[in-house]
């Protein structure tokens, strides 16, 4: 589907393997964010290698196909919305406290 790469970062929207159930075909669609960094050094008497890798995969939607119809059902990520709301509330509270302390 969609693939982008920025140095060691990779961002991708991909389809999973379809599942067939009751005459319907369900295809998961996920978002992938990955970081991969590798380094190796070859010297006169030694060789060293190091690396780091991190990946985040989150469900985005399910494509439902069957009986002559095709529908994309989005999956809201409630946890990310709550974390974002808590961060914004914390930031606003901190800014209000800074402003009132400066009086």
PDB file of N, CA and C in Angstrom:
ATOM      1  N   UNK A   1       0.825  -1.172   0.000  1.00  0.00           N
ATOM      2  CA  UNK A   1       0.000   0.000   0.000  1.00  0.00           C
ATOM      3  C   UNK A   1       0.879   1.249   0.000  1.00  0.00           C
ATOM      4  N   UNK A   2       1.136   1.844   1.143  1.00  0.00           N
ATOM      5  CA  UNK A   2       1.939   3.059   1.216  1.00  0.00           C
ATOM      6  C   UNK A   2       3.217   2.747   1.975  1.00  0.00           C
ATOM      7  N   UNK A   3       4.376   3.129   1.397  1.00  0.00           N
ATOM      8  CA  UNK A   3       5.658   2.904   2.059  1.00  0.00           C
ATOM      9  C   UNK A   3       6.493   4.170   1.963  1.00  0.00           C
ATOM     10  N   UNK A   4       7.114   4.556   3.082  1.00  0.00           N
ATOM     11  CA  UNK A   4       8.036   5.690   3.104  1.00  0.00           C
ATOM     12  C   UNK A   4       9.229   5.320   3.963  1.00  0.00           C
ATOM     13  N   UNK A   5      10.394   5.834   3.591  1.00  0.00           N
ATOM     14  CA  UNK A   5      11.602   5.562   4.358  1.00  0.00           C
ATOM     15  C   UNK A   5      12.390   6.856   4.500  1.00  0.00           C
ATOM     16  N   UNK A   6      12.762   7.186   5.750  1.00  0.00           N
ATOM     17  CA  UNK A   6      13.548   8.373   6.064  1.00  0.00           C
ATOM     18  C   UNK A   6      14.752   7.931   6.878  1.00  0.00           C
ATOM     19  N   UNK A   7      15.877   7.701   6.232  1.00  0.00           N
ATOM     20  CA  UNK A   7      17.066   7.227   6.943  1.00  0.00           C
ATOM     21  C   UNK A   7      16.771   5.899   7.622  1.00  0.00           C
ATOM     22  N   UNK A   8      16.978   5.812   8.940  1.00  0.00           N
ATOM     23  CA  UNK A   8      16.715   4.548   9.632  1.00  0.00           C
ATOM     24  C   UNK A   8      15.233   4.325   9.943  1.00  0.00           C
ATOM     25  N   UNK A   9      14.364   5.319   9.664  1.00  0.00           N
ATOM     26  CA  UNK A   9      12.935   5.212   9.965  1.00  0.00           C
ATOM     27  C   UNK A   9      12.175   4.683   8.764  1.00  0.00           C
ATOM     28  N   UNK A  10      11.199   3.809   9.017  1.00  0.00           N
ATOM     29  CA  UNK A  10      10.334   3.281   7.960  1.00  0.00           C
ATOM     30  C   UNK A  10       8.886   3.397   8.417  1.00  0.00           C
ATOM     31  N   UNK A  11       8.039   3.944   7.563  1.00  0.00           N
ATOM     32  CA  UNK A  11       6.623   4.110   7.847  1.00  0.00           C
ATOM     33  C   UNK A  11       5.851   3.407   6.735  1.00  0.00           C
ATOM     34  N   UNK A  12       4.871   2.586   7.108  1.00  0.00           N
ATOM     35  CA  UNK A  12       4.181   1.777   6.099  1.00  0.00           C
ATOM     36  C   UNK A  12       2.742   1.501   6.527  1.00  0.00           C
ATOM     37  N   UNK A  13       1.844   1.472   5.562  1.00  0.00           N
ATOM     38  CA  UNK A  13       0.471   1.006   5.766  1.00  0.00           C
ATOM     39  C   UNK A  13       0.364  -0.275   4.955  1.00  0.00           C
ATOM     40  N   UNK A  14       0.022  -1.380   5.619  1.00  0.00           N
ATOM     41  CA  UNK A  14       0.039  -2.685   4.958  1.00  0.00           C
ATOM     42  C   UNK A  14      -1.243  -3.463   5.227  1.00  0.00           C
ATOM     43  N   UNK A  15      -1.541  -4.386   4.337  1.00  0.00           N
ATOM     44  CA  UNK A  15      -2.678  -5.297   4.477  1.00  0.00           C
ATOM     45  C   UNK A  15      -2.179  -6.638   5.003  1.00  0.00           C
ATOM     46  N   UNK A  16      -2.961  -7.217   5.889  1.00  0.00           N
ATOM     47  CA  UNK A  16      -2.635  -8.536   6.414  1.00  0.00           C
ATOM     48  C   UNK A  16      -3.265  -9.627   5.565  1.00  0.00           C
ATOM     49  N   UNK A  17      -3.110 -10.852   5.999  1.00  0.00           N
ATOM     50  CA  UNK A  17      -3.713 -11.984   5.306  1.00  0.00           C
ATOM     51  C   UNK A  17      -5.216 -11.981   5.544  1.00  0.00           C
ATOM     52  N   UNK A  18      -6.014 -12.149   4.478  1.00  0.00           N
ATOM     53  CA  UNK A  18      -7.476 -12.145   4.657  1.00  0.00           C
ATOM     54  C   UNK A  18      -7.961 -13.372   5.415  1.00  0.00           C
ATOM     55  N   UNK A  19      -9.051 -13.177   6.141  1.00  0.00           N
ATOM     56  CA  UNK A  19      -9.697 -14.251   6.898  1.00  0.00           C
ATOM     57  C   UNK A  19     -11.091 -14.432   6.314  1.00  0.00           C
ATOM     58  N   UNK A  20     -11.480 -15.660   6.044  1.00  0.00           N
ATOM     59  CA  UNK A  20     -12.805 -15.956   5.483  1.00  0.00           C
ATOM     60  C   UNK A  20     -13.698 -16.505   6.584  1.00  0.00           C
ATOM     61  N   UNK A  21     -14.861 -15.857   6.766  1.00  0.00           N
ATOM     62  CA  UNK A  21     -15.792 -16.282   7.810  1.00  0.00           C
ATOM     63  C   UNK A  21     -17.222 -16.009   7.364  1.00  0.00           C
ATOM     64  N   UNK A  22     -18.051 -17.046   7.299  1.00  0.00           N
ATOM     65  CA  UNK A  22     -19.469 -16.895   6.995  1.00  0.00           C
ATOM     66  C   UNK A  22     -19.763 -16.194   5.679  1.00  0.00           C
ATOM     67  N   UNK A  23     -18.987 -16.471   4.648  1.00  0.00           N
ATOM     68  CA  UNK A  23     -19.203 -15.838   3.350  1.00  0.00           C
ATOM     69  C   UNK A  23     -18.612 -14.440   3.240  1.00  0.00           C
ATOM     70  N   UNK A  24     -17.942 -13.971   4.269  1.00  0.00           N
ATOM     71  CA  UNK A  24     -17.311 -12.660   4.269  1.00  0.00           C
ATOM     72  C   UNK A  24     -15.796 -12.823   4.233  1.00  0.00           C
ATOM     73  N   UNK A  25     -15.148 -11.856   3.659  1.00  0.00           N
ATOM     74  CA  UNK A  25     -13.681 -11.840   3.638  1.00  0.00           C
ATOM     75  C   UNK A  25     -13.226 -10.609   4.423  1.00  0.00           C
ATOM     76  N   UNK A  26     -12.470 -10.827   5.512  1.00  0.00           N
ATOM     77  CA  UNK A  26     -11.997  -9.756   6.385  1.00  0.00           C
ATOM     78  C   UNK A  26     -10.498  -9.581   6.186  1.00  0.00           C
ATOM     79  N   UNK A  27     -10.091  -8.369   5.806  1.00  0.00           N
ATOM     80  CA  UNK A  27      -8.677  -8.080   5.575  1.00  0.00           C
ATOM     81  C   UNK A  27      -8.229  -6.980   6.542  1.00  0.00           C
ATOM     82  N   UNK A  28      -7.314  -7.297   7.462  1.00  0.00           N
ATOM     83  CA  UNK A  28      -6.837  -6.263   8.386  1.00  0.00           C
ATOM     84  C   UNK A  28      -5.879  -5.297   7.689  1.00  0.00           C
ATOM     85  N   UNK A  29      -5.950  -4.027   8.086  1.00  0.00           N
ATOM     86  CA  UNK A  29      -5.049  -3.000   7.575  1.00  0.00           C
ATOM     87  C   UNK A  29      -4.358  -2.389   8.787  1.00  0.00           C
ATOM     88  N   UNK A  30      -3.016  -2.368   8.761  1.00  0.00           N
ATOM     89  CA  UNK A  30      -2.244  -1.910   9.908  1.00  0.00           C
ATOM     90  C   UNK A  30      -1.278  -0.800   9.511  1.00  0.00           C
ATOM     91  N   UNK A  31      -0.882  -0.021  10.508  1.00  0.00           N
ATOM     92  CA  UNK A  31       0.151   0.996  10.336  1.00  0.00           C
ATOM     93  C   UNK A  31       1.422   0.529  11.031  1.00  0.00           C
ATOM     94  N   UNK A  32       2.552   0.659  10.353  1.00  0.00           N
ATOM     95  CA  UNK A  32       3.829   0.205  10.887  1.00  0.00           C
ATOM     96  C   UNK A  32       4.794   1.376  10.939  1.00  0.00           C
ATOM     97  N   UNK A  33       5.447   1.554  12.077  1.00  0.00           N
ATOM     98  CA  UNK A  33       6.516   2.532  12.224  1.00  0.00           C
ATOM     99  C   UNK A  33       7.702   1.776  12.804  1.00  0.00           C
ATOM    100  N   UNK A  34       8.838   1.793  12.098  1.00  0.00           N
ATOM    101  CA  UNK A  34       9.997   1.008  12.525  1.00  0.00           C
ATOM    102  C   UNK A  34      11.273   1.838  12.445  1.00  0.00           C
ATOM    103  N   UNK A  35      12.193   1.543  13.340  1.00  0.00           N
ATOM    104  CA  UNK A  35      13.510   2.173  13.378  1.00  0.00           C
ATOM    105  C   UNK A  35      14.545   1.059  13.392  1.00  0.00           C
ATOM    106  N   UNK A  36      15.504   1.123  12.485  1.00  0.00           N
ATOM    107  CA  UNK A  36      16.566   0.128  12.428  1.00  0.00           C
ATOM    108  C   UNK A  36      17.894   0.843  12.238  1.00  0.00           C
ATOM    109  N   UNK A  37      18.857   0.556  13.108  1.00  0.00           N
ATOM    110  CA  UNK A  37      20.186   1.172  13.011  1.00  0.00           C
ATOM    111  C   UNK A  37      21.228   0.080  13.204  1.00  0.00           C
ATOM    112  N   UNK A  38      22.170   0.008  12.283  1.00  0.00           N
ATOM    113  CA  UNK A  38      23.234  -0.997  12.362  1.00  0.00           C
ATOM    114  C   UNK A  38      24.583  -0.311  12.154  1.00  0.00           C
ATOM    115  N   UNK A  39      25.597  -0.836  12.847  1.00  0.00           N
ATOM    116  CA  UNK A  39      26.939  -0.291  12.686  1.00  0.00           C
ATOM    117  C   UNK A  39      27.943  -1.412  12.927  1.00  0.00           C
ATOM    118  N   UNK A  40      28.969  -1.460  12.111  1.00  0.00           N
ATOM    119  CA  UNK A  40      30.018  -2.456  12.280  1.00  0.00           C
ATOM    120  C   UNK A  40      31.376  -1.790  12.061  1.00  0.00           C
ATOM    121  N   UNK A  41      32.370  -2.254  12.808  1.00  0.00           N
ATOM    122  CA  UNK A  41      33.733  -1.748  12.685  1.00  0.00           C
ATOM    123  C   UNK A  41      34.664  -2.939  12.535  1.00  0.00           C
ATOM    124  N   UNK A  42      35.514  -2.860  11.530  1.00  0.00           N
ATOM    125  CA  UNK A  42      36.497  -3.918  11.312  1.00  0.00           C
ATOM    126  C   UNK A  42      37.875  -3.303  11.525  1.00  0.00           C
ATOM    127  N   UNK A  43      38.587  -3.789  12.528  1.00  0.00           N
ATOM    128  CA  UNK A  43      39.922  -3.278  12.841  1.00  0.00           C
ATOM    129  C   UNK A  43      40.982  -4.298  12.500  1.00  0.00           C
ATOM    130  N   UNK A  44      42.234  -3.992  12.882  1.00  0.00           N
ATOM    131  CA  UNK A  44      43.339  -4.921  12.619  1.00  0.00           C
ATOM    132  C   UNK A  44      43.207  -6.207  13.420  1.00  0.00           C
ATOM    133  N   UNK A  45      42.771  -6.079  14.685  1.00  0.00           N
ATOM    134  CA  UNK A  45      42.728  -7.258  15.544  1.00  0.00           C
ATOM    135  C   UNK A  45      41.347  -7.589  16.080  1.00  0.00           C
ATOM    136  N   UNK A  46      40.360  -6.791  15.748  1.00  0.00           N
ATOM    137  CA  UNK A  46      39.021  -7.073  16.284  1.00  0.00           C
ATOM    138  C   UNK A  46      37.942  -6.592  15.317  1.00  0.00           C
ATOM    139  N   UNK A  47      36.787  -7.158  15.501  1.00  0.00           N
ATOM    140  CA  UNK A  47      35.612  -6.761  14.736  1.00  0.00           C
ATOM    141  C   UNK A  47      34.480  -6.546  15.730  1.00  0.00           C
ATOM    142  N   UNK A  48      33.812  -5.406  15.620  1.00  0.00           N
ATOM    143  CA  UNK A  48      32.688  -5.130  16.512  1.00  0.00           C
ATOM    144  C   UNK A  48      31.460  -4.787  15.680  1.00  0.00           C
ATOM    145  N   UNK A  49      30.326  -5.099  16.247  1.00  0.00           N
ATOM    146  CA  UNK A  49      29.059  -4.783  15.576  1.00  0.00           C
ATOM    147  C   UNK A  49      28.032  -4.417  16.641  1.00  0.00           C
ATOM    148  N   UNK A  50      27.174  -3.473  16.293  1.00  0.00           N
ATOM    149  CA  UNK A  50      26.119  -3.059  17.207  1.00  0.00           C
ATOM    150  C   UNK A  50      24.895  -2.696  16.386  1.00  0.00           C
ATOM    151  N   UNK A  51      23.754  -2.812  17.015  1.00  0.00           N
ATOM    152  CA  UNK A  51      22.535  -2.465  16.301  1.00  0.00           C
ATOM    153  C   UNK A  51      21.390  -2.228  17.253  1.00  0.00           C
ATOM    154  N   UNK A  52      20.384  -1.547  16.745  1.00  0.00           N
ATOM    155  CA  UNK A  52      19.180  -1.286  17.526  1.00  0.00           C
ATOM    156  C   UNK A  52      17.985  -1.364  16.593  1.00  0.00           C
ATOM    157  N   UNK A  53      16.885  -1.862  17.118  1.00  0.00           N
ATOM    158  CA  UNK A  53      15.674  -1.970  16.303  1.00  0.00           C
ATOM    159  C   UNK A  53      14.461  -1.766  17.201  1.00  0.00           C
ATOM    160  N   UNK A  54      13.469  -1.048  16.673  1.00  0.00           N
ATOM    161  CA  UNK A  54      12.228  -0.787  17.390  1.00  0.00           C
ATOM    162  C   UNK A  54      11.108  -0.773  16.363  1.00  0.00           C
ATOM    163  N   UNK A  55       9.931  -1.295  16.723  1.00  0.00           N
ATOM    164  CA  UNK A  55       8.797  -1.307  15.799  1.00  0.00           C
ATOM    165  C   UNK A  55       7.497  -1.104  16.564  1.00  0.00           C
ATOM    166  N   UNK A  56       6.580  -0.397  15.930  1.00  0.00           N
ATOM    167  CA  UNK A  56       5.246  -0.188  16.476  1.00  0.00           C
ATOM    168  C   UNK A  56       4.236  -0.528  15.384  1.00  0.00           C
ATOM    169  N   UNK A  57       3.360  -1.457  15.681  1.00  0.00           N
ATOM    170  CA  UNK A  57       2.327  -1.864  14.728  1.00  0.00           C
ATOM    171  C   UNK A  57       0.980  -1.618  15.396  1.00  0.00           C
ATOM    172  N   UNK A  58       0.097  -0.892  14.698  1.00  0.00           N
ATOM    173  CA  UNK A  58      -1.220  -0.629  15.277  1.00  0.00           C
ATOM    174  C   UNK A  58      -2.299  -0.850  14.234  1.00  0.00           C
ATOM    175  N   UNK A  59      -3.420  -1.413  14.641  1.00  0.00           N
ATOM    176  CA  UNK A  59      -4.515  -1.645  13.693  1.00  0.00           C
ATOM    177  C   UNK A  59      -5.159  -0.329  13.277  1.00  0.00           C
ATOM    178  N   UNK A  60      -5.461  -0.190  11.994  1.00  0.00           N
ATOM    179  CA  UNK A  60      -6.106   1.006  11.465  1.00  0.00           C
ATOM    180  C   UNK A  60      -7.541   0.745  11.029  1.00  0.00           C
ATOM    181  N   UNK A  61      -7.755  -0.384  10.326  1.00  0.00           N
ATOM    182  CA  UNK A  61      -9.083  -0.660   9.776  1.00  0.00           C
ATOM    183  C   UNK A  61      -9.198  -2.134   9.413  1.00  0.00           C
ATOM    184  N   UNK A  62     -10.426  -2.525   9.077  1.00  0.00           N
ATOM    185  CA  UNK A  62     -10.701  -3.869   8.541  1.00  0.00           C
ATOM    186  C   UNK A  62     -11.531  -3.682   7.286  1.00  0.00           C
ATOM    187  N   UNK A  63     -11.078  -4.282   6.199  1.00  0.00           N
ATOM    188  CA  UNK A  63     -11.842  -4.238   4.951  1.00  0.00           C
ATOM    189  C   UNK A  63     -12.737  -5.479   4.893  1.00  0.00           C
ATOM    190  N   UNK A  64     -14.041  -5.256   4.795  1.00  0.00           N
ATOM    191  CA  UNK A  64     -15.021  -6.341   4.778  1.00  0.00           C
ATOM    192  C   UNK A  64     -15.558  -6.452   3.357  1.00  0.00           C
ATOM    193  N   UNK A  65     -15.402  -7.638   2.759  1.00  0.00           N
ATOM    194  CA  UNK A  65     -15.858  -7.871   1.394  1.00  0.00           C
ATOM    195  C   UNK A  65     -16.734  -9.116   1.372  1.00  0.00           C
ATOM    196  N   UNK A  66     -17.865  -9.024   0.677  1.00  0.00           N
ATOM    197  CA  UNK A  66     -18.742 -10.175   0.541  1.00  0.00           C
ATOM    198  C   UNK A  66     -20.142  -9.772   0.121  1.00  0.00           C
ATOM    199  N   UNK A  67     -20.868 -10.732  -0.497  1.00  0.00           N
ATOM    200  CA  UNK A  67     -22.242 -10.514  -0.945  1.00  0.00           C
ATOM    201  C   UNK A  67     -22.367  -9.277  -1.835  1.00  0.00           C
ATOM    202  N   UNK A  68     -21.363  -9.072  -2.691  1.00  0.00           N
ATOM    203  CA  UNK A  68     -21.392  -7.958  -3.624  1.00  0.00           C
ATOM    204  C   UNK A  68     -21.121  -6.597  -3.009  1.00  0.00           C
ATOM    205  N   UNK A  69     -20.675  -6.577  -1.772  1.00  0.00           N
ATOM    206  CA  UNK A  69     -20.406  -5.304  -1.103  1.00  0.00           C
ATOM    207  C   UNK A  69     -18.964  -5.272  -0.610  1.00  0.00           C
ATOM    208  N   UNK A  70     -18.473  -4.051  -0.475  1.00  0.00           N
ATOM    209  CA  UNK A  70     -17.123  -3.845   0.065  1.00  0.00           C
ATOM    210  C   UNK A  70     -17.185  -2.637   0.995  1.00  0.00           C
ATOM    211  N   UNK A  71     -16.699  -2.808   2.238  1.00  0.00           N
ATOM    212  CA  UNK A  71     -16.785  -1.738   3.220  1.00  0.00           C
ATOM    213  C   UNK A  71     -15.497  -1.674   4.029  1.00  0.00           C
ATOM    214  N   UNK A  72     -15.078  -0.458   4.329  1.00  0.00           N
ATOM    215  CA  UNK A  72     -13.899  -0.244   5.147  1.00  0.00           C
ATOM    216  C   UNK A  72     -14.359   0.210   6.530  1.00  0.00           C
ATOM    217  N   UNK A  73     -14.061  -0.578   7.549  1.00  0.00           N
ATOM    218  CA  UNK A  73     -14.466  -0.253   8.916  1.00  0.00           C
ATOM    219  C   UNK A  73     -13.236   0.245   9.674  1.00  0.00           C
ATOM    220  N   UNK A  74     -13.220   1.546  10.006  1.00  0.00           N
ATOM    221  CA  UNK A  74     -12.105   2.144  10.726  1.00  0.00           C
ATOM    222  C   UNK A  74     -12.129   1.726  12.186  1.00  0.00           C
ATOM    223  N   UNK A  75     -10.950   1.540  12.763  1.00  0.00           N
ATOM    224  CA  UNK A  75     -10.817   1.147  14.163  1.00  0.00           C
ATOM    225  C   UNK A  75     -10.224   2.331  14.930  1.00  0.00           C
ATOM    226  N   UNK A  76     -11.040   3.022  15.725  1.00  0.00           N
ATOM    227  CA  UNK A  76     -10.499   4.167  16.473  1.00  0.00           C
ATOM    228  C   UNK A  76      -9.535   3.695  17.559  1.00  0.00           C
ATOM    229  N   UNK A  77      -8.465   4.453  17.763  1.00  0.00           N
ATOM    230  CA  UNK A  77      -7.478   4.120  18.787  1.00  0.00           C
ATOM    231  C   UNK A  77      -7.761   4.981  20.014  1.00  0.00           C
ATOM    232  N   UNK A  78      -8.617   4.482  20.888  1.00  0.00           N
ATOM    233  CA  UNK A  78      -9.075   5.233  22.060  1.00  0.00           C
ATOM    234  C   UNK A  78      -7.916   5.513  23.016  1.00  0.00           C
ATOM    235  N   UNK A  79      -6.994   4.586  23.152  1.00  0.00           N
ATOM    236  CA  UNK A  79      -5.869   4.768  24.075  1.00  0.00           C
ATOM    237  C   UNK A  79      -5.024   5.967  23.670  1.00  0.00           C
ATOM    238  N   UNK A  80      -4.693   6.099  22.394  1.00  0.00           N
ATOM    239  CA  UNK A  80      -3.901   7.246  21.940  1.00  0.00           C
ATOM    240  C   UNK A  80      -4.656   8.550  22.130  1.00  0.00           C
ATOM    241  N   UNK A  81      -5.965   8.542  21.918  1.00  0.00           N
ATOM    242  CA  UNK A  81      -6.762   9.747  22.134  1.00  0.00           C
ATOM    243  C   UNK A  81      -6.738  10.158  23.604  1.00  0.00           C
ATOM    244  N   UNK A  82      -6.875   9.183  24.509  1.00  0.00           N
ATOM    245  CA  UNK A  82      -6.839   9.488  25.946  1.00  0.00           C
ATOM    246  C   UNK A  82      -5.473  10.003  26.383  1.00  0.00           C
ATOM    247  N   UNK A  83      -4.421   9.381  25.897  1.00  0.00           N
ATOM    248  CA  UNK A  83      -3.070   9.833  26.246  1.00  0.00           C
ATOM    249  C   UNK A  83      -2.850  11.257  25.739  1.00  0.00           C
ATOM    250  N   UNK A  84      -3.287  11.557  24.527  1.00  0.00           N
ATOM    251  CA  UNK A  84      -3.164  12.908  23.979  1.00  0.00           C
ATOM    252  C   UNK A  84      -3.949  13.922  24.803  1.00  0.00           C
ATOM    253  N   UNK A  85      -5.173  13.561  25.214  1.00  0.00           N
ATOM    254  CA  UNK A  85      -5.993  14.472  26.016  1.00  0.00           C
ATOM    255  C   UNK A  85      -5.348  14.736  27.374  1.00  0.00           C
ATOM    256  N   UNK A  86      -4.785  13.708  27.996  1.00  0.00           N
ATOM    257  CA  UNK A  86      -4.126  13.875  29.293  1.00  0.00           C
ATOM    258  C   UNK A  86      -2.890  14.770  29.140  1.00  0.00           C
ATOM    259  N   UNK A  87      -2.125  14.586  28.069  1.00  0.00           N
ATOM    260  CA  UNK A  87      -0.938  15.425  27.845  1.00  0.00           C
ATOM    261  C   UNK A  87      -1.327  16.882  27.631  1.00  0.00           C
ATOM    262  N   UNK A  88      -2.370  17.130  26.857  1.00  0.00           N
ATOM    263  CA  UNK A  88      -2.815  18.511  26.615  1.00  0.00           C
ATOM    264  C   UNK A  88      -3.308  19.132  27.913  1.00  0.00           C
ATOM    265  N   UNK A  89      -4.096  18.414  28.706  1.00  0.00           N
ATOM    266  CA  UNK A  89      -4.579  18.939  29.993  1.00  0.00           C
ATOM    267  C   UNK A  89      -3.418  19.235  30.938  1.00  0.00           C
ATOM    268  N   UNK A  90      -2.439  18.365  30.964  1.00  0.00           N
ATOM    269  CA  UNK A  90      -1.263  18.594  31.810  1.00  0.00           C
ATOM    270  C   UNK A  90      -0.487  19.824  31.377  1.00  0.00           C
ATOM    271  N   UNK A  91      -0.317  20.001  30.082  1.00  0.00           N
ATOM    272  CA  UNK A  91       0.399  21.162  29.563  1.00  0.00           C
ATOM    273  C   UNK A  91      -0.341  22.459  29.880  1.00  0.00           C
ATOM    274  N   UNK A  92      -1.652  22.463  29.686  1.00  0.00           N
ATOM    275  CA  UNK A  92      -2.455  23.653  29.991  1.00  0.00           C
ATOM    276  C   UNK A  92      -2.386  23.963  31.483  1.00  0.00           C
ATOM    277  N   UNK A  93      -2.488  22.947  32.329  1.00  0.00           N
ATOM    278  CA  UNK A  93      -2.406  23.161  33.781  1.00  0.00           C
ATOM    279  C   UNK A  93      -1.058  23.741  34.172  1.00  0.00           C
ATOM    280  N   UNK A  94      -0.009  23.242  33.588  1.00  0.00           N
ATOM    281  CA  UNK A  94       1.339  23.725  33.874  1.00  0.00           C
ATOM    282  C   UNK A  94       1.495  25.188  33.448  1.00  0.00           C
ATOM    283  N   UNK A  95       0.983  25.523  32.251  1.00  0.00           N
ATOM    284  CA  UNK A  95       1.068  26.910  31.770  1.00  0.00           C
ATOM    285  C   UNK A  95       0.254  27.859  32.658  1.00  0.00           C
ATOM    286  N   UNK A  96      -0.916  27.422  33.098  1.00  0.00           N
ATOM    287  CA  UNK A  96      -1.728  28.256  34.002  1.00  0.00           C
ATOM    288  C   UNK A  96      -1.005  28.453  35.327  1.00  0.00           C
ATOM    289  N   UNK A  97      -0.382  27.406  35.855  1.00  0.00           N
ATOM    290  CA  UNK A  97       0.361  27.519  37.121  1.00  0.00           C
ATOM    291  C   UNK A  97       1.548  28.465  36.960  1.00  0.00           C
ATOM    292  N   UNK A  98       2.253  28.403  35.837  1.00  0.00           N
ATOM    293  CA  UNK A  98       3.371  29.313  35.586  1.00  0.00           C
ATOM    294  C   UNK A  98       2.905  30.763  35.518  1.00  0.00           C
ATOM    295  N   UNK A  99       1.785  30.970  34.848  1.00  0.00           N
ATOM    296  CA  UNK A  99       1.265  32.336  34.696  1.00  0.00           C
ATOM    297  C   UNK A  99       0.819  32.905  36.048  1.00  0.00           C
ATOM    298  N   UNK A 100       0.144  32.098  36.855  1.00  0.00           N
ATOM    299  CA  UNK A 100      -0.338  32.597  38.153  1.00  0.00           C
ATOM    300  C   UNK A 100       0.824  32.778  39.144  1.00  0.00           C
ATOM    301  N   UNK A 101       1.900  32.010  39.009  1.00  0.00           N
ATOM    302  CA  UNK A 101       3.044  32.165  39.901  1.00  0.00           C
ATOM    303  C   UNK A 101       3.836  33.422  39.556  1.00  0.00           C
ATOM    304  N   UNK A 102       3.725  33.900  38.326  1.00  0.00           N
ATOM    305  CA  UNK A 102       4.474  35.075  37.907  1.00  0.00           C
ATOM    306  C   UNK A 102       3.858  36.387  38.343  1.00  0.00           C
ATOM    307  N   UNK A 103       2.678  36.355  38.910  1.00  0.00           N
ATOM    308  CA  UNK A 103       2.005  37.611  39.338  1.00  0.00           C
ATOM    309  C   UNK A 103       2.609  38.214  40.530  1.00  0.00           C
TER     310      UNK A 103
END
